[in-house]
PDB file of N, CA and C in Angstrom:
ATOM      1  N   UNK A   1      20.008  32.211  -9.643  1.00  0.00           N
ATOM      2  CA  UNK A   1      18.731  32.004  -8.990  1.00  0.00           C
ATOM      3  C   UNK A   1      17.698  31.581 -10.041  1.00  0.00           C
ATOM      4  N   UNK A   2      16.841  30.657  -9.648  1.00  0.00           N
ATOM      5  CA  UNK A   2      15.798  30.137 -10.533  1.00  0.00           C
ATOM      6  C   UNK A   2      14.437  30.445  -9.920  1.00  0.00           C
ATOM      7  N   UNK A   3      13.452  30.788 -10.759  1.00  0.00           N
ATOM      8  CA  UNK A   3      12.096  31.075 -10.303  1.00  0.00           C
ATOM      9  C   UNK A   3      11.164  30.002 -10.869  1.00  0.00           C
ATOM     10  N   UNK A   4      10.354  29.404  -9.987  1.00  0.00           N
ATOM     11  CA  UNK A   4       9.371  28.388 -10.382  1.00  0.00           C
ATOM     12  C   UNK A   4       7.986  28.878  -9.991  1.00  0.00           C
ATOM     13  N   UNK A   5       7.004  28.574 -10.826  1.00  0.00           N
ATOM     14  CA  UNK A   5       5.616  28.913 -10.535  1.00  0.00           C
ATOM     15  C   UNK A   5       4.838  27.632 -10.267  1.00  0.00           C
ATOM     16  N   UNK A   6       4.058  27.632  -9.195  1.00  0.00           N
ATOM     17  CA  UNK A   6       3.241  26.485  -8.792  1.00  0.00           C
ATOM     18  C   UNK A   6       1.833  26.962  -8.475  1.00  0.00           C
ATOM     19  N   UNK A   7       0.913  26.039  -8.486  1.00  0.00           N
ATOM     20  CA  UNK A   7      -0.426  26.304  -7.972  1.00  0.00           C
ATOM     21  C   UNK A   7      -0.596  25.463  -6.716  1.00  0.00           C
ATOM     22  N   UNK A   8      -0.912  26.116  -5.614  1.00  0.00           N
ATOM     23  CA  UNK A   8      -1.083  25.402  -4.347  1.00  0.00           C
ATOM     24  C   UNK A   8      -2.325  24.513  -4.426  1.00  0.00           C
ATOM     25  N   UNK A   9      -2.208  23.292  -3.918  1.00  0.00           N
ATOM     26  CA  UNK A   9      -3.326  22.341  -3.951  1.00  0.00           C
ATOM     27  C   UNK A   9      -3.831  21.989  -2.548  1.00  0.00           C
ATOM     28  N   UNK A  10      -3.455  22.786  -1.543  1.00  0.00           N
ATOM     29  CA  UNK A  10      -3.851  22.476  -0.170  1.00  0.00           C
ATOM     30  C   UNK A  10      -5.266  22.900   0.180  1.00  0.00           C
ATOM     31  N   UNK A  11      -5.861  23.784  -0.604  1.00  0.00           N
ATOM     32  CA  UNK A  11      -7.246  24.185  -0.349  1.00  0.00           C
ATOM     33  C   UNK A  11      -7.863  24.659  -1.667  1.00  0.00           C
ATOM     34  N   UNK A  12      -9.142  24.932  -1.693  1.00  0.00           N
ATOM     35  CA  UNK A  12      -9.795  25.348  -2.938  1.00  0.00           C
ATOM     36  C   UNK A  12      -9.344  26.705  -3.489  1.00  0.00           C
ATOM     37  N   UNK A  13      -8.618  27.497  -2.718  1.00  0.00           N
ATOM     38  CA  UNK A  13      -8.179  28.818  -3.187  1.00  0.00           C
ATOM     39  C   UNK A  13      -7.259  28.694  -4.404  1.00  0.00           C
ATOM     40  N   UNK A  14      -6.400  27.676  -4.450  1.00  0.00           N
ATOM     41  CA  UNK A  14      -5.508  27.477  -5.589  1.00  0.00           C
ATOM     42  C   UNK A  14      -4.573  28.650  -5.831  1.00  0.00           C
ATOM     43  N   UNK A  15      -3.929  29.116  -4.799  1.00  0.00           N
ATOM     44  CA  UNK A  15      -3.039  30.280  -4.903  1.00  0.00           C
ATOM     45  C   UNK A  15      -1.925  30.032  -5.927  1.00  0.00           C
ATOM     46  N   UNK A  16      -1.633  31.070  -6.695  1.00  0.00           N
ATOM     47  CA  UNK A  16      -0.519  31.027  -7.641  1.00  0.00           C
ATOM     48  C   UNK A  16       0.750  31.375  -6.864  1.00  0.00           C
ATOM     49  N   UNK A  17       1.624  30.404  -6.706  1.00  0.00           N
ATOM     50  CA  UNK A  17       2.835  30.575  -5.906  1.00  0.00           C
ATOM     51  C   UNK A  17       4.036  30.833  -6.799  1.00  0.00           C
ATOM     52  N   UNK A  18       4.926  31.672  -6.322  1.00  0.00           N
ATOM     53  CA  UNK A  18       6.203  31.920  -6.978  1.00  0.00           C
ATOM     54  C   UNK A  18       7.288  31.509  -5.994  1.00  0.00           C
ATOM     55  N   UNK A  19       8.158  30.610  -6.422  1.00  0.00           N
ATOM     56  CA  UNK A  19       9.213  30.090  -5.560  1.00  0.00           C
ATOM     57  C   UNK A  19      10.561  30.478  -6.157  1.00  0.00           C
ATOM     58  N   UNK A  20      11.384  31.112  -5.344  1.00  0.00           N
ATOM     59  CA  UNK A  20      12.745  31.440  -5.751  1.00  0.00           C
ATOM     60  C   UNK A  20      13.686  30.399  -5.172  1.00  0.00           C
ATOM     61  N   UNK A  21      14.486  29.793  -6.054  1.00  0.00           N
ATOM     62  CA  UNK A  21      15.391  28.713  -5.664  1.00  0.00           C
ATOM     63  C   UNK A  21      16.836  29.091  -5.957  1.00  0.00           C
ATOM     64  N   UNK A  22      17.727  28.581  -5.137  1.00  0.00           N
ATOM     65  CA  UNK A  22      19.158  28.645  -5.401  1.00  0.00           C
ATOM     66  C   UNK A  22      19.653  27.213  -5.297  1.00  0.00           C
ATOM     67  N   UNK A  23      19.883  26.577  -6.437  1.00  0.00           N
ATOM     68  CA  UNK A  23      20.183  25.146  -6.509  1.00  0.00           C
ATOM     69  C   UNK A  23      19.029  24.371  -5.883  1.00  0.00           C
ATOM     70  N   UNK A  24      19.254  23.637  -4.783  1.00  0.00           N
ATOM     71  CA  UNK A  24      18.193  22.863  -4.128  1.00  0.00           C
ATOM     72  C   UNK A  24      17.606  23.571  -2.912  1.00  0.00           C
ATOM     73  N   UNK A  25      17.941  24.824  -2.711  1.00  0.00           N
ATOM     74  CA  UNK A  25      17.484  25.561  -1.536  1.00  0.00           C
ATOM     75  C   UNK A  25      16.381  26.546  -1.920  1.00  0.00           C
ATOM     76  N   UNK A  26      15.274  26.531  -1.167  1.00  0.00           N
ATOM     77  CA  UNK A  26      14.196  27.482  -1.382  1.00  0.00           C
ATOM     78  C   UNK A  26      14.567  28.781  -0.667  1.00  0.00           C
ATOM     79  N   UNK A  27      14.647  29.854  -1.430  1.00  0.00           N
ATOM     80  CA  UNK A  27      14.981  31.162  -0.867  1.00  0.00           C
ATOM     81  C   UNK A  27      13.742  31.904  -0.392  1.00  0.00           C
ATOM     82  N   UNK A  28      12.664  31.836  -1.201  1.00  0.00           N
ATOM     83  CA  UNK A  28      11.434  32.530  -0.814  1.00  0.00           C
ATOM     84  C   UNK A  28      10.233  31.931  -1.525  1.00  0.00           C
ATOM     85  N   UNK A  29       9.072  32.115  -0.901  1.00  0.00           N
ATOM     86  CA  UNK A  29       7.792  31.724  -1.483  1.00  0.00           C
ATOM     87  C   UNK A  29       6.877  32.936  -1.385  1.00  0.00           C
ATOM     88  N   UNK A  30       6.208  33.263  -2.488  1.00  0.00           N
ATOM     89  CA  UNK A  30       5.254  34.369  -2.461  1.00  0.00           C
ATOM     90  C   UNK A  30       3.985  33.970  -3.191  1.00  0.00           C
ATOM     91  N   UNK A  31       2.915  34.713  -2.944  1.00  0.00           N
ATOM     92  CA  UNK A  31       1.632  34.452  -3.589  1.00  0.00           C
ATOM     93  C   UNK A  31       0.677  33.650  -2.742  1.00  0.00           C
ATOM     94  N   UNK A  32       1.157  33.077  -1.656  1.00  0.00           N
ATOM     95  CA  UNK A  32       0.298  32.271  -0.788  1.00  0.00           C
ATOM     96  C   UNK A  32      -0.511  33.188   0.134  1.00  0.00           C
ATOM     97  N   UNK A  33      -1.778  32.807   0.382  1.00  0.00           N
ATOM     98  CA  UNK A  33      -2.610  33.581   1.295  1.00  0.00           C
ATOM     99  C   UNK A  33      -2.613  33.007   2.708  1.00  0.00           C
ATOM    100  N   UNK A  34      -2.004  31.820   2.873  1.00  0.00           N
ATOM    101  CA  UNK A  34      -1.881  31.243   4.211  1.00  0.00           C
ATOM    102  C   UNK A  34      -0.552  30.490   4.315  1.00  0.00           C
ATOM    103  N   UNK A  35      -0.208  30.089   5.507  1.00  0.00           N
ATOM    104  CA  UNK A  35       1.059  29.400   5.746  1.00  0.00           C
ATOM    105  C   UNK A  35       1.122  28.043   5.058  1.00  0.00           C
ATOM    106  N   UNK A  36      -0.040  27.415   4.835  1.00  0.00           N
ATOM    107  CA  UNK A  36      -0.037  26.100   4.179  1.00  0.00           C
ATOM    108  C   UNK A  36       0.556  26.174   2.777  1.00  0.00           C
ATOM    109  N   UNK A  37       0.356  27.290   2.092  1.00  0.00           N
ATOM    110  CA  UNK A  37       0.933  27.470   0.765  1.00  0.00           C
ATOM    111  C   UNK A  37       2.452  27.516   0.812  1.00  0.00           C
ATOM    112  N   UNK A  38       2.998  28.170   1.813  1.00  0.00           N
ATOM    113  CA  UNK A  38       4.449  28.231   1.978  1.00  0.00           C
ATOM    114  C   UNK A  38       5.010  26.834   2.244  1.00  0.00           C
ATOM    115  N   UNK A  39       4.366  26.104   3.145  1.00  0.00           N
ATOM    116  CA  UNK A  39       4.808  24.742   3.476  1.00  0.00           C
ATOM    117  C   UNK A  39       4.717  23.850   2.241  1.00  0.00           C
ATOM    118  N   UNK A  40       3.601  23.939   1.508  1.00  0.00           N
ATOM    119  CA  UNK A  40       3.416  23.132   0.301  1.00  0.00           C
ATOM    120  C   UNK A  40       4.519  23.407  -0.722  1.00  0.00           C
ATOM    121  N   UNK A  41       4.774  24.674  -0.997  1.00  0.00           N
ATOM    122  CA  UNK A  41       5.771  25.037  -2.013  1.00  0.00           C
ATOM    123  C   UNK A  41       7.155  24.525  -1.636  1.00  0.00           C
ATOM    124  N   UNK A  42       7.535  24.690  -0.398  1.00  0.00           N
ATOM    125  CA  UNK A  42       8.861  24.232   0.040  1.00  0.00           C
ATOM    126  C   UNK A  42       8.989  22.710  -0.093  1.00  0.00           C
ATOM    127  N   UNK A  43       7.951  22.002   0.305  1.00  0.00           N
ATOM    128  CA  UNK A  43       7.980  20.542   0.203  1.00  0.00           C
ATOM    129  C   UNK A  43       7.962  20.090  -1.261  1.00  0.00           C
ATOM    130  N   UNK A  44       7.134  20.720  -2.071  1.00  0.00           N
ATOM    131  CA  UNK A  44       7.010  20.341  -3.483  1.00  0.00           C
ATOM    132  C   UNK A  44       8.329  20.550  -4.231  1.00  0.00           C
ATOM    133  N   UNK A  45       9.063  21.560  -3.865  1.00  0.00           N
ATOM    134  CA  UNK A  45      10.310  21.858  -4.558  1.00  0.00           C
ATOM    135  C   UNK A  45      11.489  21.013  -4.068  1.00  0.00           C
ATOM    136  N   UNK A  46      11.415  20.519  -2.828  1.00  0.00           N
ATOM    137  CA  UNK A  46      12.551  19.775  -2.276  1.00  0.00           C
ATOM    138  C   UNK A  46      12.292  18.284  -2.116  1.00  0.00           C
ATOM    139  N   UNK A  47      11.044  17.888  -1.859  1.00  0.00           N
ATOM    140  CA  UNK A  47      10.713  16.482  -1.647  1.00  0.00           C
ATOM    141  C   UNK A  47       9.244  16.243  -1.999  1.00  0.00           C
ATOM    142  N   UNK A  48       8.897  16.234  -3.291  1.00  0.00           N
ATOM    143  CA  UNK A  48       7.487  16.097  -3.674  1.00  0.00           C
ATOM    144  C   UNK A  48       6.924  14.723  -3.312  1.00  0.00           C
ATOM    145  N   UNK A  49       5.721  14.744  -2.748  1.00  0.00           N
ATOM    146  CA  UNK A  49       5.045  13.511  -2.344  1.00  0.00           C
ATOM    147  C   UNK A  49       3.590  13.574  -2.789  1.00  0.00           C
ATOM    148  N   UNK A  50       2.957  12.398  -2.828  1.00  0.00           N
ATOM    149  CA  UNK A  50       1.553  12.317  -3.221  1.00  0.00           C
ATOM    150  C   UNK A  50       0.854  11.199  -2.438  1.00  0.00           C
ATOM    151  N   UNK A  51      -0.455  11.356  -2.257  1.00  0.00           N
ATOM    152  CA  UNK A  51      -1.318  10.271  -1.798  1.00  0.00           C
ATOM    153  C   UNK A  51      -1.684   9.490  -3.057  1.00  0.00           C
ATOM    154  N   UNK A  52      -1.595   8.170  -2.997  1.00  0.00           N
ATOM    155  CA  UNK A  52      -1.961   7.323  -4.139  1.00  0.00           C
ATOM    156  C   UNK A  52      -3.301   6.672  -3.839  1.00  0.00           C
ATOM    157  N   UNK A  53      -4.223   6.742  -4.792  1.00  0.00           N
ATOM    158  CA  UNK A  53      -5.510   6.057  -4.675  1.00  0.00           C
ATOM    159  C   UNK A  53      -5.622   5.043  -5.805  1.00  0.00           C
ATOM    160  N   UNK A  54      -6.270   3.924  -5.513  1.00  0.00           N
ATOM    161  CA  UNK A  54      -6.420   2.874  -6.518  1.00  0.00           C
ATOM    162  C   UNK A  54      -7.515   1.917  -6.057  1.00  0.00           C
ATOM    163  N   UNK A  55      -7.553   0.763  -6.685  1.00  0.00           N
ATOM    164  CA  UNK A  55      -8.444  -0.317  -6.278  1.00  0.00           C
ATOM    165  C   UNK A  55      -7.657  -1.625  -6.275  1.00  0.00           C
ATOM    166  N   UNK A  56      -8.101  -2.566  -5.465  1.00  0.00           N
ATOM    167  CA  UNK A  56      -7.524  -3.912  -5.479  1.00  0.00           C
ATOM    168  C   UNK A  56      -8.654  -4.931  -5.526  1.00  0.00           C
ATOM    169  N   UNK A  57      -8.311  -6.112  -6.007  1.00  0.00           N
ATOM    170  CA  UNK A  57      -9.284  -7.193  -6.092  1.00  0.00           C
ATOM    171  C   UNK A  57      -9.668  -7.690  -4.695  1.00  0.00           C
ATOM    172  N   UNK A  58     -10.885  -8.226  -4.605  1.00  0.00           N
ATOM    173  CA  UNK A  58     -11.395  -8.787  -3.356  1.00  0.00           C
ATOM    174  C   UNK A  58     -11.856 -10.208  -3.634  1.00  0.00           C
ATOM    175  N   UNK A  59     -11.504 -11.128  -2.735  1.00  0.00           N
ATOM    176  CA  UNK A  59     -12.036 -12.488  -2.868  1.00  0.00           C
ATOM    177  C   UNK A  59     -13.078 -12.719  -1.779  1.00  0.00           C
ATOM    178  N   UNK A  60     -14.100 -13.477  -2.143  1.00  0.00           N
ATOM    179  CA  UNK A  60     -15.199 -13.843  -1.248  1.00  0.00           C
ATOM    180  C   UNK A  60     -15.979 -12.643  -0.727  1.00  0.00           C
ATOM    181  N   UNK A  61     -16.031 -11.559  -1.504  1.00  0.00           N
ATOM    182  CA  UNK A  61     -16.750 -10.368  -1.068  1.00  0.00           C
ATOM    183  C   UNK A  61     -17.977 -10.094  -1.904  1.00  0.00           C
ATOM    184  N   UNK A  62     -18.858  -9.242  -1.390  1.00  0.00           N
ATOM    185  CA  UNK A  62     -20.041  -8.821  -2.142  1.00  0.00           C
ATOM    186  C   UNK A  62     -19.655  -7.902  -3.293  1.00  0.00           C
ATOM    187  N   UNK A  63     -18.434  -7.421  -3.280  1.00  0.00           N
ATOM    188  CA  UNK A  63     -17.890  -6.622  -4.372  1.00  0.00           C
ATOM    189  C   UNK A  63     -16.591  -7.268  -4.825  1.00  0.00           C
ATOM    190  N   UNK A  64     -16.283  -7.153  -6.104  1.00  0.00           N
ATOM    191  CA  UNK A  64     -15.048  -7.735  -6.642  1.00  0.00           C
ATOM    192  C   UNK A  64     -13.828  -6.853  -6.409  1.00  0.00           C
ATOM    193  N   UNK A  65     -14.057  -5.568  -6.081  1.00  0.00           N
ATOM    194  CA  UNK A  65     -12.971  -4.608  -5.906  1.00  0.00           C
ATOM    195  C   UNK A  65     -13.235  -3.768  -4.661  1.00  0.00           C
ATOM    196  N   UNK A  66     -12.146  -3.229  -4.093  1.00  0.00           N
ATOM    197  CA  UNK A  66     -12.257  -2.283  -2.993  1.00  0.00           C
ATOM    198  C   UNK A  66     -11.335  -1.102  -3.284  1.00  0.00           C
ATOM    199  N   UNK A  67     -11.808   0.092  -2.982  1.00  0.00           N
ATOM    200  CA  UNK A  67     -10.967   1.280  -3.164  1.00  0.00           C
ATOM    201  C   UNK A  67      -9.975   1.362  -2.013  1.00  0.00           C
ATOM    202  N   UNK A  68      -8.760   1.808  -2.347  1.00  0.00           N
ATOM    203  CA  UNK A  68      -7.676   1.888  -1.373  1.00  0.00           C
ATOM    204  C   UNK A  68      -6.891   3.183  -1.576  1.00  0.00           C
ATOM    205  N   UNK A  69      -6.077   3.530  -0.577  1.00  0.00           N
ATOM    206  CA  UNK A  69      -5.183   4.674  -0.683  1.00  0.00           C
ATOM    207  C   UNK A  69      -3.992   4.468   0.237  1.00  0.00           C
ATOM    208  N   UNK A  70      -2.944   5.250  -0.009  1.00  0.00           N
ATOM    209  CA  UNK A  70      -1.813   5.219   0.913  1.00  0.00           C
ATOM    210  C   UNK A  70      -2.241   5.921   2.195  1.00  0.00           C
ATOM    211  N   UNK A  71      -1.798   5.397   3.330  1.00  0.00           N
ATOM    212  CA  UNK A  71      -2.155   5.998   4.621  1.00  0.00           C
ATOM    213  C   UNK A  71      -1.605   7.423   4.713  1.00  0.00           C
ATOM    214  N   UNK A  72      -0.433   7.616   4.130  1.00  0.00           N
ATOM    215  CA  UNK A  72       0.220   8.927   4.082  1.00  0.00           C
ATOM    216  C   UNK A  72       0.764   9.119   2.673  1.00  0.00           C
ATOM    217  N   UNK A  73       1.241  10.314   2.415  1.00  0.00           N
ATOM    218  CA  UNK A  73       1.818  10.545   1.091  1.00  0.00           C
ATOM    219  C   UNK A  73       3.160   9.829   0.962  1.00  0.00           C
ATOM    220  N   UNK A  74       3.465   9.427  -0.264  1.00  0.00           N
ATOM    221  CA  UNK A  74       4.715   8.727  -0.550  1.00  0.00           C
ATOM    222  C   UNK A  74       5.530   9.573  -1.523  1.00  0.00           C
ATOM    223  N   UNK A  75       6.832   9.320  -1.610  1.00  0.00           N
ATOM    224  CA  UNK A  75       7.646  10.071  -2.571  1.00  0.00           C
ATOM    225  C   UNK A  75       7.083   9.929  -3.982  1.00  0.00           C
ATOM    226  N   UNK A  76       7.042  11.039  -4.698  1.00  0.00           N
ATOM    227  CA  UNK A  76       6.482  11.063  -6.051  1.00  0.00           C
ATOM    228  C   UNK A  76       7.152  10.028  -6.958  1.00  0.00           C
ATOM    229  N   UNK A  77       8.433   9.797  -6.778  1.00  0.00           N
ATOM    230  CA  UNK A  77       9.160   8.835  -7.589  1.00  0.00           C
ATOM    231  C   UNK A  77       8.785   7.383  -7.334  1.00  0.00           C
ATOM    232  N   UNK A  78       8.013   7.118  -6.279  1.00  0.00           N
ATOM    233  CA  UNK A  78       7.596   5.750  -5.944  1.00  0.00           C
ATOM    234  C   UNK A  78       6.171   5.425  -6.406  1.00  0.00           C
ATOM    235  N   UNK A  79       5.483   6.379  -7.028  1.00  0.00           N
ATOM    236  CA  UNK A  79       4.084   6.170  -7.403  1.00  0.00           C
ATOM    237  C   UNK A  79       3.922   4.978  -8.347  1.00  0.00           C
ATOM    238  N   UNK A  80       4.696   4.932  -9.429  1.00  0.00           N
ATOM    239  CA  UNK A  80       4.555   3.850 -10.406  1.00  0.00           C
ATOM    240  C   UNK A  80       4.819   2.497  -9.748  1.00  0.00           C
ATOM    241  N   UNK A  81       5.856   2.406  -8.933  1.00  0.00           N
ATOM    242  CA  UNK A  81       6.193   1.159  -8.245  1.00  0.00           C
ATOM    243  C   UNK A  81       5.053   0.739  -7.309  1.00  0.00           C
ATOM    244  N   UNK A  82       4.441   1.700  -6.646  1.00  0.00           N
ATOM    245  CA  UNK A  82       3.313   1.433  -5.753  1.00  0.00           C
ATOM    246  C   UNK A  82       2.130   0.865  -6.535  1.00  0.00           C
ATOM    247  N   UNK A  83       1.779   1.501  -7.624  1.00  0.00           N
ATOM    248  CA  UNK A  83       0.646   1.055  -8.444  1.00  0.00           C
ATOM    249  C   UNK A  83       0.925  -0.335  -9.028  1.00  0.00           C
ATOM    250  N   UNK A  84       2.148  -0.569  -9.482  1.00  0.00           N
ATOM    251  CA  UNK A  84       2.517  -1.885 -10.020  1.00  0.00           C
ATOM    252  C   UNK A  84       2.361  -2.967  -8.948  1.00  0.00           C
ATOM    253  N   UNK A  85       2.786  -2.678  -7.719  1.00  0.00           N
ATOM    254  CA  UNK A  85       2.689  -3.657  -6.633  1.00  0.00           C
ATOM    255  C   UNK A  85       1.231  -3.979  -6.311  1.00  0.00           C
ATOM    256  N   UNK A  86       0.331  -3.026  -6.472  1.00  0.00           N
ATOM    257  CA  UNK A  86      -1.083  -3.252  -6.156  1.00  0.00           C
ATOM    258  C   UNK A  86      -1.763  -4.196  -7.146  1.00  0.00           C
ATOM    259  N   UNK A  87      -1.201  -4.353  -8.328  1.00  0.00           N
ATOM    260  CA  UNK A  87      -1.808  -5.232  -9.330  1.00  0.00           C
ATOM    261  C   UNK A  87      -1.865  -6.679  -8.863  1.00  0.00           C
ATOM    262  N   UNK A  88      -0.950  -7.082  -7.978  1.00  0.00           N
ATOM    263  CA  UNK A  88      -0.892  -8.461  -7.503  1.00  0.00           C
ATOM    264  C   UNK A  88      -1.604  -8.668  -6.167  1.00  0.00           C
ATOM    265  N   UNK A  89      -2.206  -7.623  -5.627  1.00  0.00           N
ATOM    266  CA  UNK A  89      -2.845  -7.716  -4.308  1.00  0.00           C
ATOM    267  C   UNK A  89      -4.293  -8.163  -4.460  1.00  0.00           C
ATOM    268  N   UNK A  90      -4.683  -9.101  -3.606  1.00  0.00           N
ATOM    269  CA  UNK A  90      -6.081  -9.529  -3.534  1.00  0.00           C
ATOM    270  C   UNK A  90      -6.446  -9.587  -2.058  1.00  0.00           C
ATOM    271  N   UNK A  91      -7.396  -8.771  -1.642  1.00  0.00           N
ATOM    272  CA  UNK A  91      -7.808  -8.699  -0.238  1.00  0.00           C
ATOM    273  C   UNK A  91      -8.923  -9.698   0.029  1.00  0.00           C
ATOM    274  N   UNK A  92      -8.941 -10.223   1.214  1.00  0.00           N
ATOM    275  CA  UNK A  92      -9.947 -11.201   1.640  1.00  0.00           C
ATOM    276  C   UNK A  92     -11.071 -10.484   2.389  1.00  0.00           C
ATOM    277  N   UNK A  93     -12.310 -10.652   1.941  1.00  0.00           N
ATOM    278  CA  UNK A  93     -13.465 -10.069   2.633  1.00  0.00           C
ATOM    279  C   UNK A  93     -13.687 -10.826   3.945  1.00  0.00           C
ATOM    280  N   UNK A  94     -14.223 -10.230   4.968  1.00  0.00           N
ATOM    281  CA  UNK A  94     -14.734  -8.869   5.021  1.00  0.00           C
ATOM    282  C   UNK A  94     -13.605  -7.839   5.182  1.00  0.00           C
ATOM    283  N   UNK A  95     -13.858  -6.649   4.668  1.00  0.00           N
ATOM    284  CA  UNK A  95     -12.893  -5.551   4.733  1.00  0.00           C
ATOM    285  C   UNK A  95     -13.595  -4.346   5.346  1.00  0.00           C
ATOM    286  N   UNK A  96     -12.898  -3.650   6.226  1.00  0.00           N
ATOM    287  CA  UNK A  96     -13.430  -2.448   6.858  1.00  0.00           C
ATOM    288  C   UNK A  96     -12.547  -1.255   6.515  1.00  0.00           C
ATOM    289  N   UNK A  97     -13.163  -0.089   6.444  1.00  0.00           N
ATOM    290  CA  UNK A  97     -12.413   1.135   6.182  1.00  0.00           C
ATOM    291  C   UNK A  97     -11.255   1.232   7.167  1.00  0.00           C
ATOM    292  N   UNK A  98     -10.069   1.481   6.650  1.00  0.00           N
ATOM    293  CA  UNK A  98      -8.877   1.607   7.497  1.00  0.00           C
ATOM    294  C   UNK A  98      -8.079   0.329   7.630  1.00  0.00           C
ATOM    295  N   UNK A  99      -8.645  -0.803   7.200  1.00  0.00           N
ATOM    296  CA  UNK A  99      -7.889  -2.057   7.240  1.00  0.00           C
ATOM    297  C   UNK A  99      -6.646  -1.940   6.367  1.00  0.00           C
ATOM    298  N   UNK A 100      -5.532  -2.484   6.848  1.00  0.00           N
ATOM    299  CA  UNK A 100      -4.305  -2.502   6.054  1.00  0.00           C
ATOM    300  C   UNK A 100      -4.448  -3.583   4.987  1.00  0.00           C
ATOM    301  N   UNK A 101      -4.360  -3.182   3.733  1.00  0.00           N
ATOM    302  CA  UNK A 101      -4.491  -4.092   2.599  1.00  0.00           C
ATOM    303  C   UNK A 101      -3.112  -4.560   2.136  1.00  0.00           C
ATOM    304  N   UNK A 102      -2.129  -3.667   2.202  1.00  0.00           N
ATOM    305  CA  UNK A 102      -0.740  -3.998   1.854  1.00  0.00           C
ATOM    306  C   UNK A 102       0.175  -3.153   2.733  1.00  0.00           C
ATOM    307  N   UNK A 103       1.038  -3.816   3.480  1.00  0.00           N
ATOM    308  CA  UNK A 103       1.957  -3.107   4.374  1.00  0.00           C
ATOM    309  C   UNK A 103       3.227  -2.699   3.631  1.00  0.00           C
ATOM    310  N   UNK A 104       3.765  -1.561   4.008  1.00  0.00           N
ATOM    311  CA  UNK A 104       5.058  -1.087   3.489  1.00  0.00           C
ATOM    312  C   UNK A 104       5.125  -1.169   1.959  1.00  0.00           C
ATOM    313  N   UNK A 105       4.159  -0.564   1.313  1.00  0.00           N
ATOM    314  CA  UNK A 105       4.089  -0.638  -0.152  1.00  0.00           C
ATOM    315  C   UNK A 105       5.347  -0.043  -0.785  1.00  0.00           C
ATOM    316  N   UNK A 106       5.921  -0.757  -1.717  1.00  0.00           N
ATOM    317  CA  UNK A 106       7.094  -0.321  -2.486  1.00  0.00           C
ATOM    318  C   UNK A 106       8.242   0.135  -1.582  1.00  0.00           C
ATOM    319  N   UNK A 107       8.375  -0.525  -0.431  1.00  0.00           N
ATOM    320  CA  UNK A 107       9.438  -0.192   0.531  1.00  0.00           C
ATOM    321  C   UNK A 107       9.437   1.278   0.948  1.00  0.00           C
ATOM    322  N   UNK A 108       8.243   1.861   1.066  1.00  0.00           N
ATOM    323  CA  UNK A 108       8.129   3.257   1.478  1.00  0.00           C
ATOM    324  C   UNK A 108       7.930   3.406   2.980  1.00  0.00           C
ATOM    325  N   UNK A 109       7.571   2.293   3.647  1.00  0.00           N
ATOM    326  CA  UNK A 109       7.219   2.369   5.056  1.00  0.00           C
ATOM    327  C   UNK A 109       5.764   2.784   5.259  1.00  0.00           C
ATOM    328  N   UNK A 110       5.033   2.967   4.163  1.00  0.00           N
ATOM    329  CA  UNK A 110       3.641   3.418   4.210  1.00  0.00           C
ATOM    330  C   UNK A 110       2.724   2.269   3.808  1.00  0.00           C
ATOM    331  N   UNK A 111       1.620   2.124   4.539  1.00  0.00           N
ATOM    332  CA  UNK A 111       0.650   1.074   4.263  1.00  0.00           C
ATOM    333  C   UNK A 111      -0.426   1.546   3.289  1.00  0.00           C
ATOM    334  N   UNK A 112      -0.986   0.586   2.562  1.00  0.00           N
ATOM    335  CA  UNK A 112      -2.174   0.814   1.741  1.00  0.00           C
ATOM    336  C   UNK A 112      -3.366   0.399   2.595  1.00  0.00           C
ATOM    337  N   UNK A 113      -4.365   1.287   2.705  1.00  0.00           N
ATOM    338  CA  UNK A 113      -5.540   1.001   3.527  1.00  0.00           C
ATOM    339  C   UNK A 113      -6.819   1.058   2.689  1.00  0.00           C
ATOM    340  N   UNK A 114      -7.830   0.325   3.157  1.00  0.00           N
ATOM    341  CA  UNK A 114      -9.137   0.315   2.492  1.00  0.00           C
ATOM    342  C   UNK A 114      -9.855   1.628   2.767  1.00  0.00           C
ATOM    343  N   UNK A 115     -10.592   2.104   1.758  1.00  0.00           N
ATOM    344  CA  UNK A 115     -11.358   3.336   1.933  1.00  0.00           C
ATOM    345  C   UNK A 115     -12.862   3.092   1.880  1.00  0.00           C
ATOM    346  N   UNK A 116     -13.251   1.808   1.816  1.00  0.00           N
ATOM    347  CA  UNK A 116     -14.667   1.453   1.940  1.00  0.00           C
ATOM    348  C   UNK A 116     -14.796   0.049   2.504  1.00  0.00           C
ATOM    349  N   UNK A 117     -15.962  -0.257   2.989  1.00  0.00           N
ATOM    350  CA  UNK A 117     -16.245  -1.585   3.541  1.00  0.00           C
ATOM    351  C   UNK A 117     -16.680  -2.530   2.431  1.00  0.00           C
ATOM    352  N   UNK A 118     -16.285  -3.784   2.555  1.00  0.00           N
ATOM    353  CA  UNK A 118     -16.779  -4.843   1.674  1.00  0.00           C
ATOM    354  C   UNK A 118     -17.150  -6.014   2.560  1.00  0.00           C
ATOM    355  N   UNK A 119     -18.418  -6.364   2.558  1.00  0.00           N
ATOM    356  CA  UNK A 119     -18.888  -7.496   3.354  1.00  0.00           C
ATOM    357  C   UNK A 119     -18.576  -8.803   2.651  1.00  0.00           C
ATOM    358  N   UNK A 120     -18.541  -9.864   3.446  1.00  0.00           N
ATOM    359  CA  UNK A 120     -18.305 -11.200   2.913  1.00  0.00           C
ATOM    360  C   UNK A 120     -19.560 -11.652   2.168  1.00  0.00           C
ATOM    361  N   UNK A 121     -19.352 -12.310   1.030  1.00  0.00           N
ATOM    362  CA  UNK A 121     -20.452 -12.860   0.248  1.00  0.00           C
ATOM    363  C   UNK A 121     -20.880 -14.159   0.906  1.00  0.00           C
ATOM    364  N   UNK A 122     -22.145 -14.269   1.196  1.00  0.00           N
ATOM    365  CA  UNK A 122     -22.605 -15.479   1.898  1.00  0.00           C
ATOM    366  C   UNK A 122     -23.084 -16.521   0.977  1.00  0.00           C
TER     367      UNK A 122
END
């Protein structure tokens, strides 16, 4: 049996979690003050994922860049590939929050969406 220590990132409490593992199976989670900590620990130990935030270039906009993020979390192992793919993306203004900037980034099935508006430069 292996014991891992994590800090929960689901809320500001930052609970110190202790996870007992047997190979790839989570046996128990302790230290969490709510159920979200248990869910987080189990997912982090078996299939870690992250939301990726970045910026992409904008053409014909009042701003040269727009902030973006993954619509959902992606596998942790795909983060670098996702960021690399964004280097070649250039969005066309106007852009609205929630617009899909890049579909199926890094073959994850997850879209990159805008997190701010950029008006067209007149």
